[in-house]
Amino acid sequence: MSERYDLAIIGAGPAGMAASLYASRSGLKTCLIENGAPGGKLLKTYHIENYPGIKEMGGAELAMVMFDQALGFGAEYKAGDVVKVDEDKTIHMADGSRVEADCVLLATGTKERMLNIPGEQENVGKGVSFCAVCDGAFFRDKDVVVIGGGNSALEESVFLTQFVRKLYIVIRRDQFRAEEKFQREVEANDKIEIIREHIPVQVLSDGKVTGIVLQNVKTGEQQTIPCAGIFPYVGSDPLSGSVRDLGVCNEHGYVLVDRAMETKVDGLFAAGDVVDKELRQVVTAVGEGALVAQQVFRKVKEK
């Protein structure tokens, strides 16, 4: 059996929850589908203090406030895994059920590539962070370690130096992969020390991060760097597998959309971190979700 909605939203992160709020409030029959706890990246952020109107709030707390609002105007919530989205906007669930909708919003976000070393997973949100813009201010006058040598790693490192006492950049090779301009900025910054030809092998903690163990890739010799924060920038992958057969993704798997957040498939939208864009923040995701709801309202009313 299948159910039909005006808008089916896949992913209950900030983009999906904002779309749910705006769509249901405008009278659209709305469904919000999530395969885990609502909140997306908010659940991995210890504190939020750069969201307009909120001076400071825990990420999980903000997620629950958003979730309550998302369902407050009658949107339905479904827990489950989405396997595939057809061109006719039929959503196939892992349990064999289907959800049918006039429009679908993919707001599934991305999954960070983990270092996969002991002590990492249990310290996410306790010193291990994947967002310097979100969490940098919490490491004021402390030492932090950034893992990675690409553009994001170096750009975020420079951003972090406005807060931290000292920053270490750890790279596996003897050269950066980043563009020259980022390398020059890093090398000219007195707060940054570059540790080349090393890999992380263990995160140390006492309930929160206290240090990281590094290993020389040539000699195998290990050293411990005391620090309060660790920022892995070894890449992330968009969670867009359910729509890749529709030809709406770029070579990296990010969804391509127009100014209205719509893909080349009529009625299929995408918003938030899964979209190919420059800035991935809560505030941008929320705006995109609201925009999608407005576009869907127009489509449904024009029928």
Protein backbone atom coordinates (compact mmCIF):
# COMPACT_ATOMS: atom_id res chain seq x y z
CA MET A 1 0.00 0.00 0.00
CA SER A 2 1.17 3.53 -0.65
CA GLU A 3 0.18 6.95 0.63
CA ARG A 4 0.17 10.17 -1.36
CA TYR A 5 1.31 13.60 -0.24
CA ASP A 6 1.73 17.03 -1.76
CA LEU A 7 5.33 17.04 -0.49
CA ALA A 8 7.44 14.19 0.82
CA ILE A 9 10.66 15.30 2.52
CA ILE A 10 13.56 12.88 2.88
CA GLY A 11 15.81 13.92 5.75
CA ALA A 12 14.95 15.67 9.02
CA GLY A 13 17.91 18.00 9.23
CA PRO A 14 17.49 21.80 9.28
CA ALA A 15 16.55 21.98 5.59
CA GLY A 16 13.99 19.20 5.79
CA MET A 17 12.47 20.45 9.05
CA ALA A 18 12.15 24.01 7.74
CA ALA A 19 10.47 22.74 4.59
CA SER A 20 8.10 20.64 6.70
CA LEU A 21 7.17 23.65 8.81
CA TYR A 22 6.55 25.98 5.88
CA ALA A 23 4.77 23.40 3.73
CA SER A 24 2.38 22.09 6.38
CA ARG A 25 1.68 25.60 7.65
CA SER A 26 0.57 26.57 4.14
CA GLY A 27 -1.87 23.67 4.07
CA LEU A 28 0.10 21.13 2.06
CA LYS A 29 -0.17 17.46 2.98
CA THR A 30 3.39 16.86 4.07
CA CYS A 31 5.45 13.86 5.08
CA LEU A 32 8.86 14.02 6.78
CA ILE A 33 10.97 10.86 6.46
CA GLU A 34 14.10 10.22 8.54
CA ASN A 35 16.17 7.08 9.15
CA GLY A 36 17.72 8.27 12.40
CA ALA A 37 17.25 10.86 15.10
CA PRO A 38 15.93 14.21 13.77
CA GLY A 39 18.48 17.00 13.58
CA GLY A 40 21.13 16.05 11.06
CA LYS A 41 24.46 17.77 11.74
CA LEU A 42 22.93 19.63 14.68
CA LEU A 43 23.26 16.45 16.69
CA LYS A 44 27.03 16.51 16.18
CA THR A 45 27.42 20.13 17.22
CA TYR A 46 27.97 20.75 20.90
CA HIS A 47 26.80 24.37 20.90
CA ILE A 48 25.13 26.64 18.36
CA GLU A 49 25.80 30.36 18.73
CA ASN A 50 25.76 31.61 15.13
CA TYR A 51 22.09 30.97 14.36
CA PRO A 52 20.22 34.30 14.25
CA GLY A 53 17.92 34.83 17.21
CA ILE A 54 19.58 32.24 19.42
CA LYS A 55 22.48 33.46 21.52
CA GLU A 56 23.58 29.98 22.51
CA MET A 57 21.94 26.56 22.48
CA GLY A 58 23.06 22.95 22.35
CA GLY A 59 22.84 21.43 18.90
CA ALA A 60 20.61 18.57 20.05
CA GLU A 61 18.35 21.02 21.91
CA LEU A 62 17.92 23.19 18.81
CA ALA A 63 17.20 20.06 16.78
CA MET A 64 14.32 19.11 19.08
CA VAL A 65 12.87 22.64 18.99
CA MET A 66 12.98 22.57 15.19
CA PHE A 67 11.45 19.09 15.10
CA ASP A 68 8.52 20.13 17.29
CA GLN A 69 7.89 23.09 14.98
CA ALA A 70 8.29 20.92 11.88
CA LEU A 71 5.38 18.73 12.96
CA GLY A 72 3.36 21.45 14.69
CA PHE A 73 1.09 22.17 11.72
CA GLY A 74 0.15 18.60 10.92
CA ALA A 75 3.07 17.17 8.96
CA GLU A 76 3.38 13.40 9.32
CA TYR A 77 6.61 11.78 10.47
CA LYS A 78 7.87 8.46 9.16
CA ALA A 79 10.91 6.63 10.45
CA GLY A 80 12.66 4.47 7.89
CA ASP A 81 15.29 4.12 5.19
CA VAL A 82 14.66 5.40 1.68
CA VAL A 83 16.10 3.08 -0.94
CA LYS A 84 15.13 4.79 -4.17
CA VAL A 85 13.16 7.69 -5.62
CA ASP A 86 11.54 7.18 -9.03
CA GLU A 87 11.12 9.89 -11.63
CA ASP A 88 7.38 9.93 -10.91
CA LYS A 89 8.26 10.81 -7.27
CA THR A 90 7.43 7.38 -5.84
CA ILE A 91 9.64 6.76 -2.81
CA HIS A 92 10.63 3.16 -2.13
CA MET A 93 11.33 2.32 1.51
CA ALA A 94 13.63 -0.41 2.79
CA ASP A 95 10.71 -2.21 4.42
CA GLY A 96 8.98 -2.59 1.05
CA SER A 97 6.43 0.20 1.54
CA ARG A 98 6.04 3.14 -0.79
CA VAL A 99 5.33 6.84 -0.37
CA GLU A 100 3.90 8.72 -3.32
CA ALA A 101 3.99 12.49 -3.67
CA ASP A 102 3.48 15.26 -6.18
CA CYS A 103 6.83 16.70 -5.11
CA VAL A 104 9.84 15.31 -3.28
CA LEU A 105 12.56 17.16 -1.38
CA LEU A 106 15.89 15.40 -0.86
CA ALA A 107 17.47 16.88 2.27
CA THR A 108 19.68 14.00 3.35
CA GLY A 109 22.90 15.95 3.88
CA THR A 110 26.37 14.45 3.87
CA LYS A 111 28.32 11.93 5.87
CA GLU A 112 31.80 12.94 7.03
CA ARG A 113 34.64 10.62 6.30
CA MET A 114 35.93 9.48 9.65
CA LEU A 115 39.58 8.95 10.51
CA ASN A 116 38.56 5.50 11.79
CA ILE A 117 41.01 5.49 14.68
CA PRO A 118 40.49 4.55 18.35
CA GLY A 119 38.88 7.27 20.45
CA GLU A 120 37.41 9.22 17.54
CA GLN A 121 33.77 8.17 17.41
CA GLU A 122 33.09 8.49 21.13
CA ASN A 123 34.54 12.03 21.17
CA VAL A 124 32.47 13.52 18.35
CA GLY A 125 30.98 16.62 19.95
CA LYS A 126 33.46 16.39 22.81
CA GLY A 127 36.42 17.90 21.03
CA VAL A 128 36.23 16.10 17.69
CA SER A 129 34.43 18.49 15.32
CA PHE A 130 33.77 18.60 11.60
CA CYS A 131 32.85 22.29 11.43
CA ALA A 132 35.30 25.06 12.30
CA VAL A 133 32.74 27.77 11.52
CA CYS A 134 30.27 26.16 13.93
CA ASP A 135 32.61 25.25 16.79
CA GLY A 136 35.78 27.29 16.43
CA ALA A 137 34.90 29.83 19.11
CA PHE A 138 34.66 27.09 21.72
CA PHE A 139 38.41 26.51 21.44
CA ARG A 140 39.45 30.04 22.29
CA ASP A 141 43.03 30.15 23.64
CA LYS A 142 43.37 26.36 23.31
CA ASP A 143 45.48 24.14 21.08
CA VAL A 144 43.80 22.26 18.23
CA VAL A 145 44.80 19.84 15.48
CA VAL A 146 43.51 19.87 11.90
CA ILE A 147 43.87 16.68 9.86
CA GLY A 148 44.10 17.15 6.10
CA GLY A 149 45.92 19.09 3.41
CA GLY A 150 43.20 20.15 0.99
CA ASN A 151 41.55 23.51 0.46
CA SER A 152 38.96 23.00 3.19
CA ALA A 153 41.52 21.95 5.77
CA LEU A 154 43.75 24.95 5.14
CA GLU A 155 40.96 27.47 4.81
CA GLU A 156 39.37 26.30 8.05
CA SER A 157 42.75 26.31 9.77
CA VAL A 158 43.24 29.98 9.01
CA PHE A 159 39.71 30.66 10.27
CA LEU A 160 40.44 28.84 13.53
CA THR A 161 43.55 30.90 14.27
CA GLN A 162 41.40 33.87 15.24
CA PHE A 163 40.37 31.83 18.30
CA VAL A 164 43.02 29.26 19.18
CA ARG A 165 46.38 29.61 20.87
CA LYS A 166 48.15 27.18 18.55
CA LEU A 167 47.09 25.04 15.63
CA TYR A 168 48.77 21.98 14.16
CA ILE A 169 48.06 20.83 10.61
CA VAL A 170 48.83 17.16 10.06
CA ILE A 171 49.30 15.84 6.52
CA ARG A 172 50.28 12.39 5.27
CA ARG A 173 52.53 13.68 2.50
CA ASP A 174 55.30 16.26 2.50
CA GLN A 175 53.25 18.65 0.38
CA PHE A 176 49.77 20.11 0.54
CA ARG A 177 47.05 19.31 -1.99
CA ALA A 178 45.51 22.75 -1.54
CA GLU A 179 45.76 25.72 -3.87
CA GLU A 180 48.80 27.95 -3.58
CA LYS A 181 46.93 30.87 -2.05
CA PHE A 182 45.79 28.73 0.89
CA GLN A 183 49.29 27.36 1.37
CA ARG A 184 50.74 30.86 1.50
CA GLU A 185 48.22 31.95 4.12
CA VAL A 186 48.97 28.94 6.29
CA GLU A 187 52.74 29.23 6.01
CA ALA A 188 52.62 32.94 6.89
CA ASN A 189 50.55 32.38 10.04
CA ASP A 190 52.60 32.32 13.24
CA LYS A 191 50.00 30.29 15.10
CA ILE A 192 50.20 27.36 12.69
CA GLU A 193 52.71 24.51 12.85
CA ILE A 194 52.73 21.99 10.01
CA ILE A 195 53.47 18.36 10.79
CA ARG A 196 54.29 16.57 7.55
CA GLU A 197 54.41 12.86 6.72
CA HIS A 198 52.36 11.85 9.74
CA ILE A 199 49.00 10.16 10.21
CA PRO A 200 46.69 10.14 13.24
CA VAL A 201 46.46 6.80 15.03
CA GLN A 202 44.56 7.52 18.28
CA VAL A 203 42.44 10.20 19.94
CA LEU A 204 43.15 10.64 23.65
CA SER A 205 40.46 11.78 26.08
CA ASP A 206 39.25 11.87 29.66
CA GLY A 207 35.63 12.38 28.70
CA LYS A 208 36.67 15.11 26.27
CA VAL A 209 39.62 15.36 23.90
CA THR A 210 43.02 15.79 25.55
CA GLY A 211 45.36 14.90 22.72
CA ILE A 212 46.11 12.93 19.59
CA VAL A 213 48.77 10.32 18.80
CA LEU A 214 50.52 10.72 15.44
CA GLN A 215 52.73 8.29 13.56
CA ASN A 216 55.49 9.04 11.09
CA VAL A 217 54.62 7.33 7.79
CA LYS A 218 58.27 6.57 7.05
CA THR A 219 59.80 5.61 10.39
CA GLY A 220 56.73 4.48 12.32
CA GLU A 221 57.80 6.64 15.25
CA GLN A 222 54.91 8.03 17.30
CA GLN A 223 54.39 11.32 19.08
CA THR A 224 51.59 12.76 21.18
CA ILE A 225 50.22 16.26 20.61
CA PRO A 226 48.23 17.61 23.59
CA CYS A 227 45.13 19.44 22.30
CA ALA A 228 41.54 20.26 23.15
CA GLY A 229 40.13 19.97 19.64
CA ILE A 230 40.57 17.80 16.56
CA PHE A 231 39.14 18.80 13.18
CA PRO A 232 39.26 16.00 10.56
CA TYR A 233 39.03 17.40 7.04
CA VAL A 234 39.48 14.24 5.03
CA GLY A 235 36.35 14.71 2.97
CA SER A 236 32.63 14.00 3.12
CA ASP A 237 30.20 12.19 0.90
CA PRO A 238 26.69 13.34 -0.08
CA LEU A 239 23.89 10.96 0.85
CA SER A 240 22.31 11.03 -2.58
CA GLY A 241 22.25 7.36 -3.51
CA SER A 242 18.45 7.25 -3.74
CA VAL A 243 18.38 9.70 -6.69
CA ARG A 244 21.62 9.02 -8.53
CA ASP A 245 19.89 6.91 -11.18
CA LEU A 246 17.91 10.01 -12.16
CA GLY A 247 20.98 11.85 -13.42
CA VAL A 248 20.60 14.81 -11.08
CA CYS A 249 24.03 14.60 -9.39
CA ASN A 250 27.48 15.85 -10.33
CA GLU A 251 30.55 13.62 -10.50
CA HIS A 252 30.97 13.85 -6.72
CA GLY A 253 27.39 12.87 -5.95
CA TYR A 254 26.12 16.32 -4.96
CA VAL A 255 22.70 17.21 -6.31
CA LEU A 256 22.48 19.93 -8.96
CA VAL A 257 19.62 22.39 -8.57
CA ASP A 258 18.45 25.68 -10.06
CA ARG A 259 17.70 28.91 -8.17
CA ALA A 260 14.41 27.44 -6.98
CA MET A 261 16.25 24.40 -5.55
CA GLU A 262 14.66 22.16 -8.20
CA THR A 263 16.53 19.47 -10.12
CA LYS A 264 16.08 18.76 -13.81
CA VAL A 265 13.37 16.26 -12.81
CA ASP A 266 10.13 18.20 -12.47
CA GLY A 267 8.96 18.19 -8.85
CA LEU A 268 12.18 16.80 -7.41
CA PHE A 269 13.94 19.32 -5.18
CA ALA A 270 17.07 19.23 -3.04
CA ALA A 271 18.24 21.45 -0.19
CA GLY A 272 20.89 21.58 2.49
CA ASP A 273 24.29 19.94 2.49
CA VAL A 274 23.44 17.38 -0.22
CA VAL A 275 23.32 20.23 -2.76
CA ASP A 276 26.32 21.39 -4.79
CA LYS A 277 26.98 24.80 -3.20
CA GLU A 278 29.53 26.98 -1.41
CA LEU A 279 28.32 27.43 2.18
CA ARG A 280 26.96 24.58 4.28
CA GLN A 281 25.44 26.06 7.43
CA VAL A 282 22.22 25.69 9.41
CA VAL A 283 21.04 29.13 8.38
CA THR A 284 21.47 28.45 4.65
CA ALA A 285 19.83 25.03 4.89
CA VAL A 286 16.79 26.50 6.66
CA GLY A 287 16.41 29.17 3.99
CA GLU A 288 16.61 26.62 1.21
CA GLY A 289 14.01 24.41 2.88
CA ALA A 290 11.61 27.33 3.20
CA LEU A 291 12.14 28.23 -0.47
CA VAL A 292 11.33 24.68 -1.56
CA ALA A 293 8.08 24.70 0.43
CA GLN A 294 7.02 27.90 -1.33
CA GLN A 295 7.85 26.45 -4.75
CA VAL A 296 5.89 23.29 -4.00
CA PHE A 297 2.90 25.32 -2.81
CA ARG A 298 2.82 27.12 -6.15
CA LYS A 299 3.11 23.89 -8.13
CA VAL A 300 0.33 22.16 -6.21
CA LYS A 301 -2.04 25.15 -6.39
CA GLU A 302 -1.47 25.54 -10.14
CA LYS A 303 -2.69 22.02 -10.84
